[in-house]
Amino acid sequence: MTIVGSTQGGAVYDRGYRPYEGRRGGRAEARWALWRLTIRRALGLRRSWRQKVMPWTLLGIVTIPAIVNVGVGYLSRDTPASDFRFITYREYVGVSAAMLLFVAVTAPDAVCPDRHDRVLPLIFSRQLTGVDYVLAKVGAIATIVFGFSVIPQLVLFVGQTLVSDNGALDYYLDNDEVLWQVPVAAALLALWYAVIAVALASLTDRRIVGGIALLGLALVTSAIAGVFIGANDGEHSIMFLVNLLALPLALRDVVFLGHLHHSSPLSGSEGAAWFAGIEYAVITVAAFALLFWRYREVDL
């Protein structure tokens, strides 16, 4: 610390403060920063090891079927069982209990603390708006779910390419359509999970309530759909659309097959694929509308 100057009444000290001279971003940069921060928090990056257990254990769990499938393919090469597939690419894009639990934990953790700790006024004191906040939070959760859906598929595709009896190039040419089908189906699933989970979590400032709300929605709608199917003597029924968290599976079938798979509870209903698409769009828009309304202004 040095004395810059002095007078009879006092002195001015140079404390070494310097103005910020780096690049200044706008709304897009602030939104991008919030997206990165949310992903780091959800994955436990720069946090204690306890926060890393769930996301990375989940990634290991969802990758196991791909590893098993590749292992079976390697062991059965040049045998009559070489065409056996433990799981297909279409089946791999699906609803799992581990993924549902992960979203039920991470989505409330991404938004509830901001309202509970009353830091939203601080966040919105910058250039961020409510729309930016919603897009960053939903985008972050959707990005993680998308990554956790696609990474095992890449393991499966690369592994199957390497152990194929016909050679890597032939396998690639015979299955190259999955390179667009998997990302599209995974993106639909990821957006659906993320927007519904974040919308439910936005209604409370308690993380456990937000998580229970998503799990409850999954269980209740699944049970209602089961009742309708049971009342129909197990026949395929359009009422399966009540099962909200299984709805993206119908769109997945359309992406991979161009129609509903015969095992789908909706396959026997005329126009079921169109109804599924319309319901997906309506509920997604409604969830975003709820989020934009919840963050239209900040409670000071």
C-alpha atoms as a PDB file:
ATOM      1  CA  MET A   1       0.000   0.000   0.000  1.00  0.00           C
ATOM      2  CA  THR A   2       1.468   3.343  -1.003  1.00  0.00           C
ATOM      3  CA  ILE A   3       0.440   6.878  -0.242  1.00  0.00           C
ATOM      4  CA  VAL A   4      -0.577   8.633  -3.454  1.00  0.00           C
ATOM      5  CA  GLY A   5      -0.958  12.018  -1.956  1.00  0.00           C
ATOM      6  CA  SER A   6      -1.749  13.771   1.288  1.00  0.00           C
ATOM      7  CA  THR A   7      -3.140  17.007   2.568  1.00  0.00           C
ATOM      8  CA  GLN A   8      -3.473  18.506   5.960  1.00  0.00           C
ATOM      9  CA  GLY A   9      -6.964  16.989   6.247  1.00  0.00           C
ATOM     10  CA  GLY A  10      -6.176  13.424   5.173  1.00  0.00           C
ATOM     11  CA  ALA A  11      -4.488  11.109   2.667  1.00  0.00           C
ATOM     12  CA  VAL A  12      -5.435   9.093  -0.450  1.00  0.00           C
ATOM     13  CA  TYR A  13      -4.124   5.526  -0.588  1.00  0.00           C
ATOM     14  CA  ASP A  14      -3.590   3.361  -3.675  1.00  0.00           C
ATOM     15  CA  ARG A  15      -5.160   0.024  -2.664  1.00  0.00           C
ATOM     16  CA  GLY A  16      -4.360  -1.662  -5.968  1.00  0.00           C
ATOM     17  CA  TYR A  17      -7.945  -1.840  -7.278  1.00  0.00           C
ATOM     18  CA  ARG A  18      -8.242  -2.091 -11.024  1.00  0.00           C
ATOM     19  CA  PRO A  19     -11.303  -1.836 -13.260  1.00  0.00           C
ATOM     20  CA  TYR A  20     -12.531  -4.948 -15.114  1.00  0.00           C
ATOM     21  CA  GLU A  21     -11.124  -4.906 -18.619  1.00  0.00           C
ATOM     22  CA  GLY A  22     -12.295  -8.296 -19.899  1.00  0.00           C
ATOM     23  CA  ARG A  23     -14.979  -9.124 -22.433  1.00  0.00           C
ATOM     24  CA  ARG A  24     -18.480  -8.118 -21.438  1.00  0.00           C
ATOM     25  CA  GLY A  25     -21.311 -10.411 -22.490  1.00  0.00           C
ATOM     26  CA  GLY A  26     -24.990  -9.687 -22.873  1.00  0.00           C
ATOM     27  CA  ARG A  27     -28.134 -11.694 -22.193  1.00  0.00           C
ATOM     28  CA  ALA A  28     -26.915 -14.637 -24.243  1.00  0.00           C
ATOM     29  CA  GLU A  29     -23.713 -14.874 -22.227  1.00  0.00           C
ATOM     30  CA  ALA A  30     -25.621 -14.657 -18.936  1.00  0.00           C
ATOM     31  CA  ARG A  31     -28.022 -17.380 -20.082  1.00  0.00           C
ATOM     32  CA  TRP A  32     -25.100 -19.551 -21.163  1.00  0.00           C
ATOM     33  CA  ALA A  33     -23.399 -19.053 -17.784  1.00  0.00           C
ATOM     34  CA  LEU A  34     -26.568 -20.076 -15.914  1.00  0.00           C
ATOM     35  CA  TRP A  35     -26.878 -23.162 -18.129  1.00  0.00           C
ATOM     36  CA  ARG A  36     -23.281 -24.180 -17.377  1.00  0.00           C
ATOM     37  CA  LEU A  37     -23.741 -23.572 -13.655  1.00  0.00           C
ATOM     38  CA  THR A  38     -26.884 -25.720 -13.557  1.00  0.00           C
ATOM     39  CA  ILE A  39     -25.168 -28.598 -15.358  1.00  0.00           C
ATOM     40  CA  ARG A  40     -22.178 -28.440 -13.006  1.00  0.00           C
ATOM     41  CA  ARG A  41     -24.498 -28.519 -10.011  1.00  0.00           C
ATOM     42  CA  ALA A  42     -26.555 -31.427 -11.358  1.00  0.00           C
ATOM     43  CA  LEU A  43     -23.455 -33.499 -12.181  1.00  0.00           C
ATOM     44  CA  GLY A  44     -21.754 -32.674  -8.885  1.00  0.00           C
ATOM     45  CA  LEU A  45     -18.809 -30.965 -10.563  1.00  0.00           C
ATOM     46  CA  ARG A  46     -16.753 -28.835  -8.157  1.00  0.00           C
ATOM     47  CA  ARG A  47     -18.858 -30.267  -5.314  1.00  0.00           C
ATOM     48  CA  SER A  48     -18.204 -32.972  -2.757  1.00  0.00           C
ATOM     49  CA  TRP A  49     -17.935 -36.601  -3.830  1.00  0.00           C
ATOM     50  CA  ARG A  50     -21.373 -37.297  -2.360  1.00  0.00           C
ATOM     51  CA  GLN A  51     -22.936 -35.030  -4.985  1.00  0.00           C
ATOM     52  CA  LYS A  52     -21.200 -36.984  -7.749  1.00  0.00           C
ATOM     53  CA  VAL A  53     -22.447 -40.433  -6.722  1.00  0.00           C
ATOM     54  CA  MET A  54     -25.962 -40.325  -8.203  1.00  0.00           C
ATOM     55  CA  PRO A  55     -25.295 -38.872 -11.693  1.00  0.00           C
ATOM     56  CA  TRP A  56     -22.211 -40.932 -12.432  1.00  0.00           C
ATOM     57  CA  THR A  57     -23.718 -44.104 -10.974  1.00  0.00           C
ATOM     58  CA  LEU A  58     -26.722 -43.533 -13.217  1.00  0.00           C
ATOM     59  CA  LEU A  59     -24.497 -43.213 -16.273  1.00  0.00           C
ATOM     60  CA  GLY A  60     -22.854 -46.501 -15.328  1.00  0.00           C
ATOM     61  CA  ILE A  61     -26.211 -48.227 -14.858  1.00  0.00           C
ATOM     62  CA  VAL A  62     -27.672 -47.093 -18.179  1.00  0.00           C
ATOM     63  CA  THR A  63     -24.489 -48.131 -20.006  1.00  0.00           C
ATOM     64  CA  ILE A  64     -24.531 -51.719 -18.667  1.00  0.00           C
ATOM     65  CA  PRO A  65     -27.017 -53.050 -21.291  1.00  0.00           C
ATOM     66  CA  ALA A  66     -24.791 -51.730 -24.092  1.00  0.00           C
ATOM     67  CA  ILE A  67     -21.727 -53.409 -22.602  1.00  0.00           C
ATOM     68  CA  VAL A  68     -23.608 -56.685 -22.135  1.00  0.00           C
ATOM     69  CA  ASN A  69     -24.934 -56.556 -25.680  1.00  0.00           C
ATOM     70  CA  VAL A  70     -21.478 -55.951 -27.117  1.00  0.00           C
ATOM     71  CA  GLY A  71     -20.027 -58.713 -24.934  1.00  0.00           C
ATOM     72  CA  VAL A  72     -22.653 -61.201 -26.124  1.00  0.00           C
ATOM     73  CA  GLY A  73     -21.967 -60.174 -29.714  1.00  0.00           C
ATOM     74  CA  TYR A  74     -18.250 -60.736 -29.257  1.00  0.00           C
ATOM     75  CA  LEU A  75     -18.656 -64.157 -27.641  1.00  0.00           C
ATOM     76  CA  SER A  76     -21.187 -65.344 -30.223  1.00  0.00           C
ATOM     77  CA  ARG A  77     -19.211 -64.315 -33.305  1.00  0.00           C
ATOM     78  CA  ASP A  78     -19.105 -66.947 -36.054  1.00  0.00           C
ATOM     79  CA  THR A  79     -21.805 -68.985 -34.298  1.00  0.00           C
ATOM     80  CA  PRO A  80     -25.522 -69.559 -35.059  1.00  0.00           C
ATOM     81  CA  ALA A  81     -26.352 -67.140 -32.240  1.00  0.00           C
ATOM     82  CA  SER A  82     -24.409 -64.266 -33.800  1.00  0.00           C
ATOM     83  CA  ASP A  83     -27.633 -62.421 -34.695  1.00  0.00           C
ATOM     84  CA  PHE A  84     -28.851 -62.382 -31.088  1.00  0.00           C
ATOM     85  CA  ARG A  85     -29.425 -58.887 -29.690  1.00  0.00           C
ATOM     86  CA  PHE A  86     -29.852 -58.314 -25.966  1.00  0.00           C
ATOM     87  CA  ILE A  87     -31.380 -54.890 -26.660  1.00  0.00           C
ATOM     88  CA  THR A  88     -32.144 -52.850 -29.766  1.00  0.00           C
ATOM     89  CA  TYR A  89     -31.454 -49.182 -30.388  1.00  0.00           C
ATOM     90  CA  ARG A  90     -35.169 -48.434 -30.280  1.00  0.00           C
ATOM     91  CA  GLU A  91     -35.678 -50.211 -26.971  1.00  0.00           C
ATOM     92  CA  TYR A  92     -32.648 -48.468 -25.485  1.00  0.00           C
ATOM     93  CA  VAL A  93     -34.379 -45.081 -25.789  1.00  0.00           C
ATOM     94  CA  GLY A  94     -36.873 -45.602 -23.029  1.00  0.00           C
ATOM     95  CA  VAL A  95     -38.143 -44.815 -19.575  1.00  0.00           C
ATOM     96  CA  SER A  96     -36.043 -46.215 -16.747  1.00  0.00           C
ATOM     97  CA  ALA A  97     -36.526 -45.996 -13.008  1.00  0.00           C
ATOM     98  CA  ALA A  98     -32.953 -44.739 -12.604  1.00  0.00           C
ATOM     99  CA  MET A  99     -33.471 -41.911 -15.089  1.00  0.00           C
ATOM    100  CA  LEU A 100     -36.790 -40.937 -13.533  1.00  0.00           C
ATOM    101  CA  LEU A 101     -35.212 -40.840 -10.067  1.00  0.00           C
ATOM    102  CA  PHE A 102     -32.323 -38.754 -11.370  1.00  0.00           C
ATOM    103  CA  VAL A 103     -34.642 -36.144 -12.896  1.00  0.00           C
ATOM    104  CA  ALA A 104     -36.799 -36.134  -9.761  1.00  0.00           C
ATOM    105  CA  VAL A 105     -33.705 -35.193  -7.733  1.00  0.00           C
ATOM    106  CA  THR A 106     -31.870 -32.832 -10.082  1.00  0.00           C
ATOM    107  CA  ALA A 107     -34.744 -30.736 -11.446  1.00  0.00           C
ATOM    108  CA  PRO A 108     -35.925 -29.528  -8.001  1.00  0.00           C
ATOM    109  CA  ASP A 109     -32.303 -29.021  -6.968  1.00  0.00           C
ATOM    110  CA  ALA A 110     -31.848 -26.754  -9.995  1.00  0.00           C
ATOM    111  CA  VAL A 111     -34.703 -24.339  -9.238  1.00  0.00           C
ATOM    112  CA  CYS A 112     -36.032 -24.730  -5.687  1.00  0.00           C
ATOM    113  CA  PRO A 113     -32.971 -23.337  -3.816  1.00  0.00           C
ATOM    114  CA  ASP A 114     -33.116 -20.099  -5.832  1.00  0.00           C
ATOM    115  CA  ARG A 115     -36.627 -19.379  -4.601  1.00  0.00           C
ATOM    116  CA  HIS A 116     -36.086 -20.773  -1.094  1.00  0.00           C
ATOM    117  CA  ASP A 117     -32.933 -18.709  -0.525  1.00  0.00           C
ATOM    118  CA  ARG A 118     -34.476 -15.646  -2.208  1.00  0.00           C
ATOM    119  CA  VAL A 119     -31.647 -15.188  -4.678  1.00  0.00           C
ATOM    120  CA  LEU A 120     -33.894 -14.676  -7.703  1.00  0.00           C
ATOM    121  CA  PRO A 121     -33.772 -10.873  -7.288  1.00  0.00           C
ATOM    122  CA  LEU A 122     -29.979 -11.105  -7.389  1.00  0.00           C
ATOM    123  CA  ILE A 123     -30.063 -13.308 -10.504  1.00  0.00           C
ATOM    124  CA  PHE A 124     -32.472 -10.970 -12.296  1.00  0.00           C
ATOM    125  CA  SER A 125     -30.533  -7.871 -11.261  1.00  0.00           C
ATOM    126  CA  ARG A 126     -28.407  -8.603 -14.310  1.00  0.00           C
ATOM    127  CA  GLN A 127     -29.650  -8.816 -17.898  1.00  0.00           C
ATOM    128  CA  LEU A 128     -31.386 -12.133 -17.366  1.00  0.00           C
ATOM    129  CA  THR A 129     -35.148 -12.281 -17.789  1.00  0.00           C
ATOM    130  CA  GLY A 130     -37.625 -14.904 -16.677  1.00  0.00           C
ATOM    131  CA  VAL A 131     -37.600 -16.438 -20.158  1.00  0.00           C
ATOM    132  CA  ASP A 132     -33.795 -16.674 -20.063  1.00  0.00           C
ATOM    133  CA  TYR A 133     -33.926 -18.320 -16.654  1.00  0.00           C
ATOM    134  CA  VAL A 134     -36.482 -20.925 -17.771  1.00  0.00           C
ATOM    135  CA  LEU A 135     -34.631 -21.738 -20.989  1.00  0.00           C
ATOM    136  CA  ALA A 136     -31.328 -22.137 -19.142  1.00  0.00           C
ATOM    137  CA  LYS A 137     -32.744 -24.396 -16.434  1.00  0.00           C
ATOM    138  CA  VAL A 138     -34.859 -26.596 -18.707  1.00  0.00           C
ATOM    139  CA  GLY A 139     -32.051 -26.684 -21.262  1.00  0.00           C
ATOM    140  CA  ALA A 140     -29.527 -27.827 -18.662  1.00  0.00           C
ATOM    141  CA  ILE A 141     -31.676 -30.713 -17.374  1.00  0.00           C
ATOM    142  CA  ALA A 142     -32.614 -31.716 -20.923  1.00  0.00           C
ATOM    143  CA  THR A 143     -28.947 -31.668 -21.965  1.00  0.00           C
ATOM    144  CA  ILE A 144     -27.995 -34.070 -19.183  1.00  0.00           C
ATOM    145  CA  VAL A 145     -30.866 -36.463 -19.899  1.00  0.00           C
ATOM    146  CA  PHE A 146     -30.024 -36.318 -23.615  1.00  0.00           C
ATOM    147  CA  GLY A 147     -26.370 -37.077 -22.906  1.00  0.00           C
ATOM    148  CA  PHE A 148     -27.214 -39.956 -20.592  1.00  0.00           C
ATOM    149  CA  SER A 149     -29.489 -41.383 -23.326  1.00  0.00           C
ATOM    150  CA  VAL A 150     -27.063 -40.979 -26.229  1.00  0.00           C
ATOM    151  CA  ILE A 151     -23.733 -41.968 -24.631  1.00  0.00           C
ATOM    152  CA  PRO A 152     -24.794 -45.615 -24.011  1.00  0.00           C
ATOM    153  CA  GLN A 153     -26.119 -45.732 -27.573  1.00  0.00           C
ATOM    154  CA  LEU A 154     -22.709 -44.639 -28.872  1.00  0.00           C
ATOM    155  CA  VAL A 155     -21.085 -47.389 -26.806  1.00  0.00           C
ATOM    156  CA  LEU A 156     -23.537 -49.884 -28.279  1.00  0.00           C
ATOM    157  CA  PHE A 157     -23.053 -48.704 -31.872  1.00  0.00           C
ATOM    158  CA  VAL A 158     -19.261 -48.576 -31.743  1.00  0.00           C
ATOM    159  CA  GLY A 159     -19.094 -51.933 -29.956  1.00  0.00           C
ATOM    160  CA  GLN A 160     -21.445 -53.619 -32.404  1.00  0.00           C
ATOM    161  CA  THR A 161     -19.468 -52.174 -35.288  1.00  0.00           C
ATOM    162  CA  LEU A 162     -16.254 -53.689 -33.954  1.00  0.00           C
ATOM    163  CA  VAL A 163     -17.650 -57.184 -33.250  1.00  0.00           C
ATOM    164  CA  SER A 164     -19.878 -57.535 -36.323  1.00  0.00           C
ATOM    165  CA  ASP A 165     -19.353 -60.719 -38.361  1.00  0.00           C
ATOM    166  CA  ASN A 166     -19.771 -58.810 -41.619  1.00  0.00           C
ATOM    167  CA  GLY A 167     -17.153 -56.216 -40.806  1.00  0.00           C
ATOM    168  CA  ALA A 168     -17.307 -52.694 -39.440  1.00  0.00           C
ATOM    169  CA  LEU A 169     -18.106 -50.961 -42.736  1.00  0.00           C
ATOM    170  CA  ASP A 170     -21.025 -53.255 -43.606  1.00  0.00           C
ATOM    171  CA  TYR A 171     -22.490 -52.900 -40.119  1.00  0.00           C
ATOM    172  CA  TYR A 172     -22.222 -49.118 -40.355  1.00  0.00           C
ATOM    173  CA  LEU A 173     -23.901 -48.995 -43.758  1.00  0.00           C
ATOM    174  CA  ASP A 174     -26.679 -51.341 -42.600  1.00  0.00           C
ATOM    175  CA  ASN A 175     -27.417 -49.342 -39.442  1.00  0.00           C
ATOM    176  CA  ASP A 176     -26.435 -45.752 -40.270  1.00  0.00           C
ATOM    177  CA  GLU A 177     -30.055 -44.585 -39.873  1.00  0.00           C
ATOM    178  CA  VAL A 178     -29.734 -44.883 -36.096  1.00  0.00           C
ATOM    179  CA  LEU A 179     -27.260 -41.991 -36.190  1.00  0.00           C
ATOM    180  CA  TRP A 180     -30.217 -39.624 -36.641  1.00  0.00           C
ATOM    181  CA  GLN A 181     -32.973 -41.716 -35.091  1.00  0.00           C
ATOM    182  CA  VAL A 182     -31.306 -42.007 -31.697  1.00  0.00           C
ATOM    183  CA  PRO A 183     -30.601 -38.252 -31.244  1.00  0.00           C
ATOM    184  CA  VAL A 184     -34.118 -37.276 -32.351  1.00  0.00           C
ATOM    185  CA  ALA A 185     -35.851 -39.808 -30.088  1.00  0.00           C
ATOM    186  CA  ALA A 186     -33.521 -38.975 -27.171  1.00  0.00           C
ATOM    187  CA  ALA A 187     -34.143 -35.240 -27.641  1.00  0.00           C
ATOM    188  CA  LEU A 188     -37.916 -35.744 -27.497  1.00  0.00           C
ATOM    189  CA  LEU A 189     -37.564 -37.801 -24.327  1.00  0.00           C
ATOM    190  CA  ALA A 190     -35.119 -35.352 -22.714  1.00  0.00           C
ATOM    191  CA  LEU A 191     -37.259 -32.276 -23.388  1.00  0.00           C
ATOM    192  CA  TRP A 192     -40.368 -34.034 -22.058  1.00  0.00           C
ATOM    193  CA  TYR A 193     -38.695 -35.107 -18.825  1.00  0.00           C
ATOM    194  CA  ALA A 194     -37.001 -31.763 -18.271  1.00  0.00           C
ATOM    195  CA  VAL A 195     -39.878 -29.386 -18.888  1.00  0.00           C
ATOM    196  CA  ILE A 196     -42.375 -31.378 -16.814  1.00  0.00           C
ATOM    197  CA  ALA A 197     -39.948 -31.871 -13.911  1.00  0.00           C
ATOM    198  CA  VAL A 198     -38.867 -28.214 -13.813  1.00  0.00           C
ATOM    199  CA  ALA A 199     -42.478 -27.015 -14.140  1.00  0.00           C
ATOM    200  CA  LEU A 200     -43.561 -29.108 -11.155  1.00  0.00           C
ATOM    201  CA  ALA A 201     -40.514 -28.015  -9.142  1.00  0.00           C
ATOM    202  CA  SER A 202     -41.275 -24.344  -9.866  1.00  0.00           C
ATOM    203  CA  LEU A 203     -44.484 -24.634  -7.831  1.00  0.00           C
ATOM    204  CA  THR A 204     -42.590 -25.113  -4.569  1.00  0.00           C
ATOM    205  CA  ASP A 205     -39.424 -23.968  -2.843  1.00  0.00           C
ATOM    206  CA  ARG A 206     -38.815 -27.375  -1.238  1.00  0.00           C
ATOM    207  CA  ARG A 207     -36.766 -29.852  -3.225  1.00  0.00           C
ATOM    208  CA  ILE A 208     -38.318 -32.952  -1.678  1.00  0.00           C
ATOM    209  CA  VAL A 209     -41.817 -31.743  -2.603  1.00  0.00           C
ATOM    210  CA  GLY A 210     -40.761 -31.144  -6.197  1.00  0.00           C
ATOM    211  CA  GLY A 211     -39.232 -34.603  -6.455  1.00  0.00           C
ATOM    212  CA  ILE A 212     -42.250 -36.321  -4.925  1.00  0.00           C
ATOM    213  CA  ALA A 213     -44.539 -34.416  -7.302  1.00  0.00           C
ATOM    214  CA  LEU A 214     -42.764 -35.860 -10.344  1.00  0.00           C
ATOM    215  CA  LEU A 215     -42.634 -39.393  -8.945  1.00  0.00           C
ATOM    216  CA  GLY A 216     -46.270 -39.118  -7.917  1.00  0.00           C
ATOM    217  CA  LEU A 217     -47.259 -37.968 -11.399  1.00  0.00           C
ATOM    218  CA  ALA A 218     -45.459 -40.953 -12.901  1.00  0.00           C
ATOM    219  CA  LEU A 219     -47.061 -43.457 -10.535  1.00  0.00           C
ATOM    220  CA  VAL A 220     -50.588 -42.032 -10.632  1.00  0.00           C
ATOM    221  CA  THR A 221     -50.849 -41.655 -14.410  1.00  0.00           C
ATOM    222  CA  SER A 222     -49.293 -45.094 -14.903  1.00  0.00           C
ATOM    223  CA  ALA A 223     -51.827 -46.624 -12.500  1.00  0.00           C
ATOM    224  CA  ILE A 224     -54.746 -44.861 -14.191  1.00  0.00           C
ATOM    225  CA  ALA A 225     -53.585 -46.057 -17.605  1.00  0.00           C
ATOM    226  CA  GLY A 226     -53.290 -49.596 -16.199  1.00  0.00           C
ATOM    227  CA  VAL A 227     -56.849 -49.436 -14.905  1.00  0.00           C
ATOM    228  CA  PHE A 228     -58.162 -48.377 -18.319  1.00  0.00           C
ATOM    229  CA  ILE A 229     -56.241 -51.147 -20.056  1.00  0.00           C
ATOM    230  CA  GLY A 230     -57.412 -53.680 -17.467  1.00  0.00           C
ATOM    231  CA  ALA A 231     -61.009 -52.570 -17.932  1.00  0.00           C
ATOM    232  CA  ASN A 232     -60.531 -53.168 -21.641  1.00  0.00           C
ATOM    233  CA  ASP A 233     -59.508 -56.788 -20.959  1.00  0.00           C
ATOM    234  CA  GLY A 234     -55.884 -56.023 -21.705  1.00  0.00           C
ATOM    235  CA  GLU A 235     -56.622 -54.884 -25.246  1.00  0.00           C
ATOM    236  CA  HIS A 236     -54.759 -51.962 -26.745  1.00  0.00           C
ATOM    237  CA  SER A 237     -56.433 -48.697 -25.839  1.00  0.00           C
ATOM    238  CA  ILE A 238     -56.090 -45.016 -26.677  1.00  0.00           C
ATOM    239  CA  MET A 239     -56.472 -44.364 -22.952  1.00  0.00           C
ATOM    240  CA  PHE A 240     -52.824 -45.359 -22.505  1.00  0.00           C
ATOM    241  CA  LEU A 241     -52.109 -41.735 -23.412  1.00  0.00           C
ATOM    242  CA  VAL A 242     -53.018 -40.946 -19.801  1.00  0.00           C
ATOM    243  CA  ASN A 243     -49.623 -42.374 -18.830  1.00  0.00           C
ATOM    244  CA  LEU A 244     -47.738 -39.091 -19.294  1.00  0.00           C
ATOM    245  CA  LEU A 245     -44.193 -40.249 -18.649  1.00  0.00           C
ATOM    246  CA  ALA A 246     -44.535 -43.149 -21.094  1.00  0.00           C
ATOM    247  CA  LEU A 247     -45.999 -40.945 -23.819  1.00  0.00           C
ATOM    248  CA  PRO A 248     -42.621 -40.228 -25.522  1.00  0.00           C
ATOM    249  CA  LEU A 249     -42.270 -43.961 -26.192  1.00  0.00           C
ATOM    250  CA  ALA A 250     -45.006 -43.676 -28.820  1.00  0.00           C
ATOM    251  CA  LEU A 251     -43.085 -40.899 -30.546  1.00  0.00           C
ATOM    252  CA  ARG A 252     -39.922 -42.968 -30.242  1.00  0.00           C
ATOM    253  CA  ASP A 253     -41.610 -45.782 -32.182  1.00  0.00           C
ATOM    254  CA  VAL A 254     -42.645 -43.339 -34.887  1.00  0.00           C
ATOM    255  CA  VAL A 255     -39.074 -42.037 -35.185  1.00  0.00           C
ATOM    256  CA  PHE A 256     -37.561 -45.518 -35.492  1.00  0.00           C
ATOM    257  CA  LEU A 257     -40.308 -47.420 -37.305  1.00  0.00           C
ATOM    258  CA  GLY A 258     -42.564 -44.830 -38.881  1.00  0.00           C
ATOM    259  CA  HIS A 259     -45.488 -46.326 -36.927  1.00  0.00           C
ATOM    260  CA  LEU A 260     -46.315 -47.641 -33.476  1.00  0.00           C
ATOM    261  CA  HIS A 261     -44.694 -50.927 -32.491  1.00  0.00           C
ATOM    262  CA  HIS A 262     -47.096 -53.857 -32.198  1.00  0.00           C
ATOM    263  CA  SER A 263     -46.238 -54.183 -28.481  1.00  0.00           C
ATOM    264  CA  SER A 264     -47.381 -50.624 -27.736  1.00  0.00           C
ATOM    265  CA  PRO A 265     -50.699 -50.372 -25.862  1.00  0.00           C
ATOM    266  CA  LEU A 266     -51.663 -47.731 -28.447  1.00  0.00           C
ATOM    267  CA  SER A 267     -50.958 -49.801 -31.557  1.00  0.00           C
ATOM    268  CA  GLY A 268     -54.520 -51.025 -31.983  1.00  0.00           C
ATOM    269  CA  SER A 269     -56.057 -47.551 -31.891  1.00  0.00           C
ATOM    270  CA  GLU A 270     -56.569 -45.644 -35.125  1.00  0.00           C
ATOM    271  CA  GLY A 271     -54.764 -42.296 -35.188  1.00  0.00           C
ATOM    272  CA  ALA A 272     -53.029 -42.996 -31.878  1.00  0.00           C
ATOM    273  CA  ALA A 273     -49.669 -41.739 -33.143  1.00  0.00           C
ATOM    274  CA  TRP A 274     -51.211 -38.400 -34.123  1.00  0.00           C
ATOM    275  CA  PHE A 275     -52.974 -38.103 -30.768  1.00  0.00           C
ATOM    276  CA  ALA A 276     -49.673 -38.847 -29.002  1.00  0.00           C
ATOM    277  CA  GLY A 277     -47.896 -36.126 -30.967  1.00  0.00           C
ATOM    278  CA  ILE A 278     -50.642 -33.590 -30.264  1.00  0.00           C
ATOM    279  CA  GLU A 279     -50.686 -34.429 -26.554  1.00  0.00           C
ATOM    280  CA  TYR A 280     -46.892 -34.135 -26.407  1.00  0.00           C
ATOM    281  CA  ALA A 281     -46.997 -30.681 -28.014  1.00  0.00           C
ATOM    282  CA  VAL A 282     -49.887 -29.394 -25.892  1.00  0.00           C
ATOM    283  CA  ILE A 283     -48.417 -30.510 -22.561  1.00  0.00           C
ATOM    284  CA  THR A 284     -44.933 -29.246 -23.467  1.00  0.00           C
ATOM    285  CA  VAL A 285     -46.333 -25.817 -24.380  1.00  0.00           C
ATOM    286  CA  ALA A 286     -48.474 -25.787 -21.223  1.00  0.00           C
ATOM    287  CA  ALA A 287     -45.444 -26.625 -19.044  1.00  0.00           C
ATOM    288  CA  PHE A 288     -43.409 -23.826 -20.629  1.00  0.00           C
ATOM    289  CA  ALA A 289     -46.343 -21.444 -20.205  1.00  0.00           C
ATOM    290  CA  LEU A 290     -46.520 -22.328 -16.506  1.00  0.00           C
ATOM    291  CA  LEU A 291     -42.780 -21.709 -16.117  1.00  0.00           C
ATOM    292  CA  PHE A 292     -42.904 -18.368 -17.932  1.00  0.00           C
ATOM    293  CA  TRP A 293     -45.817 -17.346 -15.713  1.00  0.00           C
ATOM    294  CA  ARG A 294     -44.023 -18.425 -12.526  1.00  0.00           C
ATOM    295  CA  TYR A 295     -40.937 -16.404 -13.454  1.00  0.00           C
ATOM    296  CA  ARG A 296     -42.691 -13.439 -15.052  1.00  0.00           C
ATOM    297  CA  GLU A 297     -41.572 -11.302 -12.110  1.00  0.00           C
ATOM    298  CA  VAL A 298     -39.375 -11.617  -9.062  1.00  0.00           C
ATOM    299  CA  ASP A 299     -40.686 -11.639  -5.493  1.00  0.00           C
ATOM    300  CA  LEU A 300     -38.525  -9.138  -3.685  1.00  0.00           C
END
